[in-house]
């Protein structure tokens, strides 16, 4: 299995449409990340399934916003304007958002730095000039060098 990520971003059309609607922008323009494990070789009949699912999940989230928000709020009205009325359509998603598929992401974290990378490798980096960061990196190197 291979991890595959789908990133939903607002289209330029949506950004322009929401100009000046700050409260609505926070929810409607927020990027979303979906992930799933995929077989290394995807059967042809299955290739569009995860894409459609990711789009449906975004629309379902917005439908939930409508359900949980009072009738007359600006947010609810704007979401209803954008996604329309049920049944919700993937074409609506395609009109307002973009979906980008990303495969083969390597996840890096502070834990990678503190556990996987050798002190000699960490010493190859120049000081940043940020005393807090430089001290933090020095402490990691010192701790790693003191291990038996």
N, C-alpha and C. Protein backbone atom coordinates (compact mmCIF):
# COMPACT_ATOMS: atom_id res chain seq x y z
N UNK A 1 0.84 -1.18 0.00
CA UNK A 1 0.00 0.00 0.00
C UNK A 1 0.89 1.25 0.00
N UNK A 2 0.44 2.27 -0.65
CA UNK A 2 1.15 3.54 -0.76
C UNK A 2 0.27 4.65 -0.20
N UNK A 3 0.81 5.50 0.67
CA UNK A 3 -0.01 6.62 1.14
C UNK A 3 -0.20 7.64 0.02
N UNK A 4 -1.44 8.08 -0.15
CA UNK A 4 -1.76 9.09 -1.14
C UNK A 4 -2.51 10.19 -0.41
N UNK A 5 -2.15 11.43 -0.72
CA UNK A 5 -2.78 12.58 -0.08
C UNK A 5 -3.50 13.40 -1.14
N UNK A 6 -4.61 13.97 -0.74
CA UNK A 6 -5.37 14.86 -1.60
C UNK A 6 -5.50 16.19 -0.86
N UNK A 7 -5.04 17.25 -1.51
CA UNK A 7 -5.11 18.58 -0.91
C UNK A 7 -6.19 19.37 -1.65
N UNK A 8 -7.14 19.88 -0.89
CA UNK A 8 -8.20 20.71 -1.45
C UNK A 8 -7.83 22.16 -1.19
N UNK A 9 -7.80 22.94 -2.26
CA UNK A 9 -7.52 24.37 -2.14
C UNK A 9 -8.63 25.15 -2.85
N UNK A 10 -8.89 26.36 -2.41
CA UNK A 10 -9.93 27.15 -3.07
C UNK A 10 -9.46 27.60 -4.45
N UNK A 11 -10.39 27.68 -5.36
CA UNK A 11 -10.06 28.19 -6.70
C UNK A 11 -9.95 29.72 -6.62
N UNK A 12 -9.27 30.32 -7.58
CA UNK A 12 -9.24 31.79 -7.62
C UNK A 12 -10.65 32.37 -7.68
N UNK A 13 -11.56 31.66 -8.35
CA UNK A 13 -12.96 32.11 -8.46
C UNK A 13 -13.58 32.24 -7.07
N UNK A 14 -13.33 31.26 -6.19
CA UNK A 14 -13.90 31.30 -4.84
C UNK A 14 -13.28 32.43 -4.03
N UNK A 15 -11.99 32.61 -4.14
CA UNK A 15 -11.32 33.70 -3.41
C UNK A 15 -11.91 35.04 -3.80
N UNK A 16 -12.10 35.22 -5.09
CA UNK A 16 -12.68 36.48 -5.57
C UNK A 16 -14.12 36.63 -5.11
N UNK A 17 -14.89 35.57 -5.16
CA UNK A 17 -16.29 35.59 -4.77
C UNK A 17 -16.47 35.97 -3.30
N UNK A 18 -15.53 35.55 -2.47
CA UNK A 18 -15.63 35.79 -1.02
C UNK A 18 -14.91 37.05 -0.56
N UNK A 19 -14.41 37.83 -1.48
CA UNK A 19 -13.70 39.06 -1.11
C UNK A 19 -14.56 39.90 -0.17
N UNK A 20 -14.00 40.25 0.99
CA UNK A 20 -14.70 41.09 1.96
C UNK A 20 -15.59 40.34 2.93
N UNK A 21 -15.70 39.05 2.82
CA UNK A 21 -16.52 38.23 3.74
C UNK A 21 -15.59 37.44 4.66
N UNK A 22 -14.97 38.12 5.61
CA UNK A 22 -13.90 37.51 6.41
C UNK A 22 -14.32 36.26 7.19
N UNK A 23 -15.47 36.28 7.84
CA UNK A 23 -15.89 35.11 8.63
C UNK A 23 -16.08 33.90 7.73
N UNK A 24 -16.69 34.09 6.59
CA UNK A 24 -16.94 32.99 5.68
C UNK A 24 -15.64 32.50 5.05
N UNK A 25 -14.71 33.40 4.82
CA UNK A 25 -13.44 33.04 4.19
C UNK A 25 -12.67 32.02 5.02
N UNK A 26 -12.73 32.17 6.34
CA UNK A 26 -11.98 31.26 7.21
C UNK A 26 -12.39 29.81 6.98
N UNK A 27 -13.65 29.54 6.80
CA UNK A 27 -14.13 28.16 6.61
C UNK A 27 -14.04 27.74 5.15
N UNK A 28 -14.45 28.59 4.26
CA UNK A 28 -14.56 28.20 2.86
C UNK A 28 -13.22 28.21 2.12
N UNK A 29 -12.25 28.98 2.60
CA UNK A 29 -10.95 29.03 1.93
C UNK A 29 -9.89 28.16 2.61
N UNK A 30 -10.22 27.59 3.75
CA UNK A 30 -9.23 26.77 4.46
C UNK A 30 -8.87 25.54 3.63
N UNK A 31 -7.58 25.29 3.43
CA UNK A 31 -7.20 24.08 2.71
C UNK A 31 -7.57 22.85 3.54
N UNK A 32 -7.78 21.75 2.87
CA UNK A 32 -8.10 20.49 3.55
C UNK A 32 -7.18 19.41 3.02
N UNK A 33 -6.82 18.49 3.88
CA UNK A 33 -5.95 17.38 3.50
C UNK A 33 -6.66 16.08 3.80
N UNK A 34 -6.76 15.23 2.79
CA UNK A 34 -7.33 13.89 2.96
C UNK A 34 -6.22 12.91 2.63
N UNK A 35 -6.18 11.80 3.34
CA UNK A 35 -5.19 10.79 2.99
C UNK A 35 -5.81 9.41 3.07
N UNK A 36 -5.20 8.52 2.33
CA UNK A 36 -5.64 7.14 2.33
C UNK A 36 -4.51 6.27 1.80
N UNK A 37 -4.54 5.01 2.16
CA UNK A 37 -3.58 4.06 1.62
C UNK A 37 -4.16 3.48 0.34
N UNK A 38 -3.36 3.45 -0.69
CA UNK A 38 -3.80 2.96 -1.98
C UNK A 38 -2.94 1.77 -2.39
N UNK A 39 -3.52 0.83 -3.10
CA UNK A 39 -2.70 -0.26 -3.64
C UNK A 39 -1.67 0.32 -4.60
N UNK A 40 -0.52 -0.31 -4.69
CA UNK A 40 0.52 0.20 -5.59
C UNK A 40 0.03 0.22 -7.03
N UNK A 41 -0.74 -0.78 -7.41
CA UNK A 41 -1.31 -0.82 -8.76
C UNK A 41 -2.83 -0.66 -8.61
N UNK A 42 -3.34 0.44 -9.12
CA UNK A 42 -4.76 0.75 -8.94
C UNK A 42 -5.54 0.19 -10.12
N UNK A 43 -6.58 -0.61 -9.86
CA UNK A 43 -7.40 -1.11 -10.96
C UNK A 43 -8.07 0.06 -11.68
N UNK A 44 -8.21 -0.01 -13.01
CA UNK A 44 -8.77 1.09 -13.78
C UNK A 44 -10.14 1.55 -13.29
N UNK A 45 -10.99 0.62 -12.88
CA UNK A 45 -12.33 0.99 -12.44
C UNK A 45 -12.31 1.76 -11.13
N UNK A 46 -11.19 1.72 -10.41
CA UNK A 46 -11.11 2.31 -9.08
C UNK A 46 -10.39 3.65 -9.08
N UNK A 47 -9.79 4.04 -10.20
CA UNK A 47 -8.88 5.18 -10.21
C UNK A 47 -9.54 6.51 -9.85
N UNK A 48 -10.81 6.70 -10.13
CA UNK A 48 -11.46 7.98 -9.82
C UNK A 48 -12.19 7.95 -8.49
N UNK A 49 -12.31 6.79 -7.88
CA UNK A 49 -13.04 6.65 -6.62
C UNK A 49 -12.47 7.53 -5.50
N UNK A 50 -11.17 7.50 -5.21
CA UNK A 50 -10.65 8.33 -4.11
C UNK A 50 -10.80 9.82 -4.38
N UNK A 51 -10.71 10.21 -5.64
CA UNK A 51 -10.86 11.63 -5.98
C UNK A 51 -12.29 12.06 -5.69
N UNK A 52 -13.26 11.28 -6.14
CA UNK A 52 -14.67 11.61 -5.90
C UNK A 52 -14.97 11.61 -4.41
N UNK A 53 -14.40 10.64 -3.67
CA UNK A 53 -14.62 10.58 -2.22
C UNK A 53 -14.09 11.84 -1.54
N UNK A 54 -12.90 12.30 -1.94
CA UNK A 54 -12.32 13.49 -1.34
C UNK A 54 -13.19 14.71 -1.60
N UNK A 55 -13.72 14.81 -2.79
CA UNK A 55 -14.60 15.93 -3.12
C UNK A 55 -15.90 15.85 -2.32
N UNK A 56 -16.45 14.64 -2.21
CA UNK A 56 -17.68 14.46 -1.43
C UNK A 56 -17.48 14.78 0.05
N UNK A 57 -16.31 14.42 0.59
CA UNK A 57 -16.04 14.70 2.00
C UNK A 57 -16.03 16.21 2.24
N UNK A 58 -15.43 16.97 1.34
CA UNK A 58 -15.42 18.43 1.48
C UNK A 58 -16.84 18.98 1.44
N UNK A 59 -17.64 18.52 0.49
CA UNK A 59 -19.03 18.98 0.41
C UNK A 59 -19.83 18.54 1.62
N UNK A 60 -19.57 17.33 2.12
CA UNK A 60 -20.27 16.85 3.32
C UNK A 60 -19.93 17.71 4.53
N UNK A 61 -18.67 18.12 4.64
CA UNK A 61 -18.27 19.00 5.73
C UNK A 61 -19.06 20.31 5.66
N UNK A 62 -19.18 20.86 4.46
CA UNK A 62 -19.92 22.12 4.31
C UNK A 62 -21.41 21.93 4.55
N UNK A 63 -21.95 20.78 4.16
CA UNK A 63 -23.36 20.48 4.45
C UNK A 63 -23.57 20.41 5.96
N UNK A 64 -22.58 19.87 6.69
CA UNK A 64 -22.65 19.82 8.15
C UNK A 64 -22.64 21.23 8.73
N UNK A 65 -21.85 22.13 8.13
CA UNK A 65 -21.83 23.52 8.58
C UNK A 65 -23.24 24.11 8.48
N UNK A 66 -23.91 23.82 7.37
CA UNK A 66 -25.28 24.32 7.18
C UNK A 66 -26.19 23.77 8.26
N UNK A 67 -26.11 22.47 8.51
CA UNK A 67 -26.99 21.83 9.51
C UNK A 67 -26.77 22.37 10.91
N UNK A 68 -25.52 22.69 11.24
CA UNK A 68 -25.20 23.09 12.61
C UNK A 68 -25.21 24.60 12.84
N UNK A 69 -25.54 25.36 11.82
CA UNK A 69 -25.53 26.82 11.93
C UNK A 69 -26.95 27.35 11.84
N UNK A 70 -27.24 28.35 12.64
CA UNK A 70 -28.58 28.93 12.62
C UNK A 70 -28.93 29.48 11.24
N UNK A 71 -30.23 29.49 10.93
CA UNK A 71 -30.72 29.84 9.61
C UNK A 71 -30.25 31.18 9.07
N UNK A 72 -30.19 32.20 9.87
CA UNK A 72 -29.98 33.54 9.35
C UNK A 72 -28.52 34.01 9.43
N UNK A 73 -27.61 33.16 9.80
CA UNK A 73 -26.23 33.63 9.90
C UNK A 73 -25.63 33.83 8.52
N UNK A 74 -24.70 34.75 8.43
CA UNK A 74 -24.04 35.05 7.15
C UNK A 74 -23.28 33.82 6.65
N UNK A 75 -22.65 33.09 7.58
CA UNK A 75 -21.89 31.91 7.18
C UNK A 75 -22.81 30.88 6.51
N UNK A 76 -23.92 30.57 7.15
CA UNK A 76 -24.84 29.58 6.58
C UNK A 76 -25.34 30.03 5.22
N UNK A 77 -25.71 31.29 5.11
CA UNK A 77 -26.22 31.80 3.84
C UNK A 77 -25.17 31.71 2.73
N UNK A 78 -23.92 32.03 3.08
CA UNK A 78 -22.86 31.98 2.08
C UNK A 78 -22.56 30.55 1.66
N UNK A 79 -22.52 29.62 2.62
CA UNK A 79 -22.29 28.22 2.29
C UNK A 79 -23.42 27.70 1.40
N UNK A 80 -24.66 28.05 1.74
CA UNK A 80 -25.79 27.61 0.91
C UNK A 80 -25.71 28.19 -0.50
N UNK A 81 -25.28 29.45 -0.61
CA UNK A 81 -25.10 30.07 -1.93
C UNK A 81 -24.10 29.28 -2.76
N UNK A 82 -23.03 28.86 -2.11
CA UNK A 82 -21.93 28.22 -2.83
C UNK A 82 -22.22 26.77 -3.18
N UNK A 83 -22.70 25.97 -2.22
CA UNK A 83 -22.87 24.55 -2.53
C UNK A 83 -24.27 24.21 -3.01
N UNK A 84 -25.20 25.16 -2.92
CA UNK A 84 -26.54 24.92 -3.42
C UNK A 84 -27.37 24.07 -2.48
N UNK A 85 -28.35 23.43 -3.05
CA UNK A 85 -29.27 22.59 -2.26
C UNK A 85 -29.04 21.13 -2.63
N UNK A 86 -29.41 20.22 -1.72
CA UNK A 86 -29.24 18.80 -2.04
C UNK A 86 -30.09 18.42 -3.24
N UNK A 87 -29.69 17.46 -4.00
CA UNK A 87 -28.47 16.66 -3.85
C UNK A 87 -27.24 17.46 -4.30
N UNK A 88 -26.19 17.40 -3.49
CA UNK A 88 -24.96 18.12 -3.78
C UNK A 88 -24.23 17.42 -4.92
N UNK A 89 -23.60 18.20 -5.77
CA UNK A 89 -22.97 17.66 -6.97
C UNK A 89 -21.46 17.90 -6.95
N UNK A 90 -20.73 16.93 -7.47
CA UNK A 90 -19.28 17.07 -7.56
C UNK A 90 -18.93 18.25 -8.47
N UNK A 91 -19.77 18.55 -9.44
CA UNK A 91 -19.51 19.70 -10.32
C UNK A 91 -19.44 21.00 -9.51
N UNK A 92 -20.19 21.06 -8.40
CA UNK A 92 -20.12 22.23 -7.53
C UNK A 92 -18.73 22.34 -6.91
N UNK A 93 -18.22 21.21 -6.46
CA UNK A 93 -16.86 21.19 -5.92
C UNK A 93 -15.90 21.71 -6.99
N UNK A 94 -15.99 21.15 -8.19
CA UNK A 94 -15.06 21.51 -9.26
C UNK A 94 -15.15 22.99 -9.64
N UNK A 95 -16.29 23.59 -9.41
CA UNK A 95 -16.46 25.01 -9.72
C UNK A 95 -15.72 25.90 -8.71
N UNK A 96 -15.70 25.49 -7.43
CA UNK A 96 -15.18 26.36 -6.37
C UNK A 96 -13.83 25.94 -5.78
N UNK A 97 -13.46 24.67 -5.94
CA UNK A 97 -12.22 24.18 -5.32
C UNK A 97 -11.40 23.41 -6.33
N UNK A 98 -10.12 23.21 -5.95
CA UNK A 98 -9.21 22.40 -6.74
C UNK A 98 -8.71 21.26 -5.87
N UNK A 99 -8.47 20.12 -6.48
CA UNK A 99 -7.98 18.94 -5.77
C UNK A 99 -6.64 18.54 -6.37
N UNK A 100 -5.64 18.42 -5.52
CA UNK A 100 -4.31 18.05 -5.96
C UNK A 100 -3.93 16.73 -5.31
N UNK A 101 -3.51 15.77 -6.11
CA UNK A 101 -3.09 14.47 -5.59
C UNK A 101 -1.58 14.49 -5.38
N UNK A 102 -1.16 14.00 -4.21
CA UNK A 102 0.26 13.96 -3.89
C UNK A 102 0.58 12.54 -3.43
N UNK A 103 1.55 11.94 -4.07
CA UNK A 103 1.97 10.58 -3.70
C UNK A 103 3.41 10.61 -3.20
N UNK A 104 3.73 9.67 -2.36
CA UNK A 104 5.11 9.49 -1.94
C UNK A 104 5.64 10.56 -1.01
N UNK A 105 4.81 11.12 -0.17
CA UNK A 105 5.27 12.13 0.78
C UNK A 105 6.12 11.45 1.86
N UNK A 106 7.22 12.08 2.18
CA UNK A 106 8.05 11.65 3.30
C UNK A 106 7.71 12.57 4.46
N UNK A 107 7.33 12.00 5.58
CA UNK A 107 6.95 12.79 6.74
C UNK A 107 8.18 13.06 7.60
N UNK A 108 8.45 14.32 7.85
CA UNK A 108 9.57 14.72 8.69
C UNK A 108 9.01 15.37 9.94
N UNK A 109 9.71 15.22 11.04
CA UNK A 109 9.25 15.80 12.29
C UNK A 109 10.44 16.10 13.18
N UNK A 110 10.16 16.75 14.27
CA UNK A 110 11.21 17.00 15.26
C UNK A 110 11.76 15.67 15.76
N UNK A 111 10.90 14.67 15.85
CA UNK A 111 11.35 13.36 16.30
C UNK A 111 12.39 12.78 15.35
N UNK A 112 12.24 13.03 14.03
CA UNK A 112 13.25 12.58 13.07
C UNK A 112 14.60 13.20 13.40
N UNK A 113 14.57 14.47 13.72
CA UNK A 113 15.80 15.20 14.03
C UNK A 113 16.43 14.67 15.32
N UNK A 114 15.61 14.40 16.31
CA UNK A 114 16.16 14.00 17.60
C UNK A 114 16.50 12.51 17.67
N UNK A 115 15.90 11.68 16.82
CA UNK A 115 16.19 10.26 16.95
C UNK A 115 16.94 9.66 15.76
N UNK A 116 16.66 10.09 14.55
CA UNK A 116 17.20 9.40 13.37
C UNK A 116 18.49 9.99 12.82
N UNK A 117 18.67 11.28 12.93
CA UNK A 117 19.80 11.94 12.28
C UNK A 117 21.00 11.98 13.23
N UNK A 118 22.14 11.59 12.69
CA UNK A 118 23.37 11.51 13.49
C UNK A 118 23.91 12.91 13.80
N UNK A 119 24.61 13.06 14.96
CA UNK A 119 25.14 14.37 15.34
C UNK A 119 26.10 14.95 14.30
N UNK A 120 26.91 14.10 13.65
CA UNK A 120 27.84 14.62 12.64
C UNK A 120 27.09 15.27 11.48
N UNK A 121 25.94 14.74 11.13
CA UNK A 121 25.12 15.34 10.07
C UNK A 121 24.56 16.68 10.54
N UNK A 122 24.11 16.74 11.77
CA UNK A 122 23.55 17.99 12.31
C UNK A 122 24.61 19.09 12.39
N UNK A 123 25.86 18.71 12.59
CA UNK A 123 26.95 19.69 12.68
C UNK A 123 27.27 20.34 11.33
N UNK A 124 26.75 19.78 10.25
CA UNK A 124 27.02 20.32 8.91
C UNK A 124 26.28 21.62 8.63
N UNK A 125 25.33 21.96 9.49
CA UNK A 125 24.51 23.14 9.26
C UNK A 125 25.10 24.37 9.93
N UNK A 126 24.99 25.50 9.23
CA UNK A 126 25.46 26.78 9.73
C UNK A 126 24.49 27.27 10.81
N UNK A 127 24.97 28.10 11.70
CA UNK A 127 24.10 28.71 12.71
C UNK A 127 23.10 29.63 12.02
N UNK A 128 21.91 29.69 12.57
CA UNK A 128 20.85 30.50 11.93
C UNK A 128 20.87 31.94 12.40
N UNK A 129 21.46 32.20 13.56
CA UNK A 129 21.40 33.54 14.13
C UNK A 129 20.24 33.70 15.09
N UNK A 130 19.38 32.71 15.14
CA UNK A 130 18.26 32.72 16.10
C UNK A 130 18.75 31.98 17.33
N UNK A 131 19.00 32.70 18.44
CA UNK A 131 19.60 32.06 19.62
C UNK A 131 18.79 30.87 20.14
N UNK A 132 17.47 30.96 20.11
CA UNK A 132 16.65 29.86 20.62
C UNK A 132 16.81 28.62 19.74
N UNK A 133 16.77 28.80 18.43
CA UNK A 133 16.91 27.66 17.53
C UNK A 133 18.31 27.08 17.62
N UNK A 134 19.32 27.93 17.57
CA UNK A 134 20.70 27.45 17.62
C UNK A 134 20.97 26.69 18.92
N UNK A 135 20.45 27.18 20.03
CA UNK A 135 20.62 26.50 21.32
C UNK A 135 19.92 25.14 21.28
N UNK A 136 18.71 25.10 20.74
CA UNK A 136 17.95 23.86 20.64
C UNK A 136 18.72 22.81 19.84
N UNK A 137 19.27 23.22 18.68
CA UNK A 137 20.02 22.29 17.85
C UNK A 137 21.30 21.84 18.56
N UNK A 138 21.99 22.76 19.23
CA UNK A 138 23.20 22.41 19.98
C UNK A 138 22.88 21.38 21.06
N UNK A 139 21.75 21.55 21.73
CA UNK A 139 21.35 20.61 22.79
C UNK A 139 21.07 19.22 22.21
N UNK A 140 20.46 19.17 21.05
CA UNK A 140 20.20 17.87 20.42
C UNK A 140 21.53 17.18 20.10
N UNK A 141 22.46 17.92 19.53
CA UNK A 141 23.77 17.37 19.19
C UNK A 141 24.47 16.89 20.45
N UNK A 142 24.47 17.74 21.49
CA UNK A 142 25.14 17.38 22.74
C UNK A 142 24.52 16.11 23.34
N UNK A 143 23.22 16.02 23.37
CA UNK A 143 22.54 14.85 23.93
C UNK A 143 22.88 13.61 23.14
N UNK A 144 22.90 13.70 21.82
CA UNK A 144 23.22 12.55 20.97
C UNK A 144 24.67 12.09 21.17
N UNK A 145 25.59 13.05 21.34
CA UNK A 145 26.98 12.70 21.52
C UNK A 145 27.26 12.04 22.88
N UNK A 146 26.41 12.33 23.85
CA UNK A 146 26.60 11.75 25.18
C UNK A 146 26.02 10.35 25.30
N UNK A 147 25.25 9.92 24.33
CA UNK A 147 24.68 8.56 24.37
C UNK A 147 25.77 7.53 24.14
N UNK A 148 25.66 6.42 24.84
CA UNK A 148 26.69 5.37 24.65
C UNK A 148 26.58 4.70 23.29
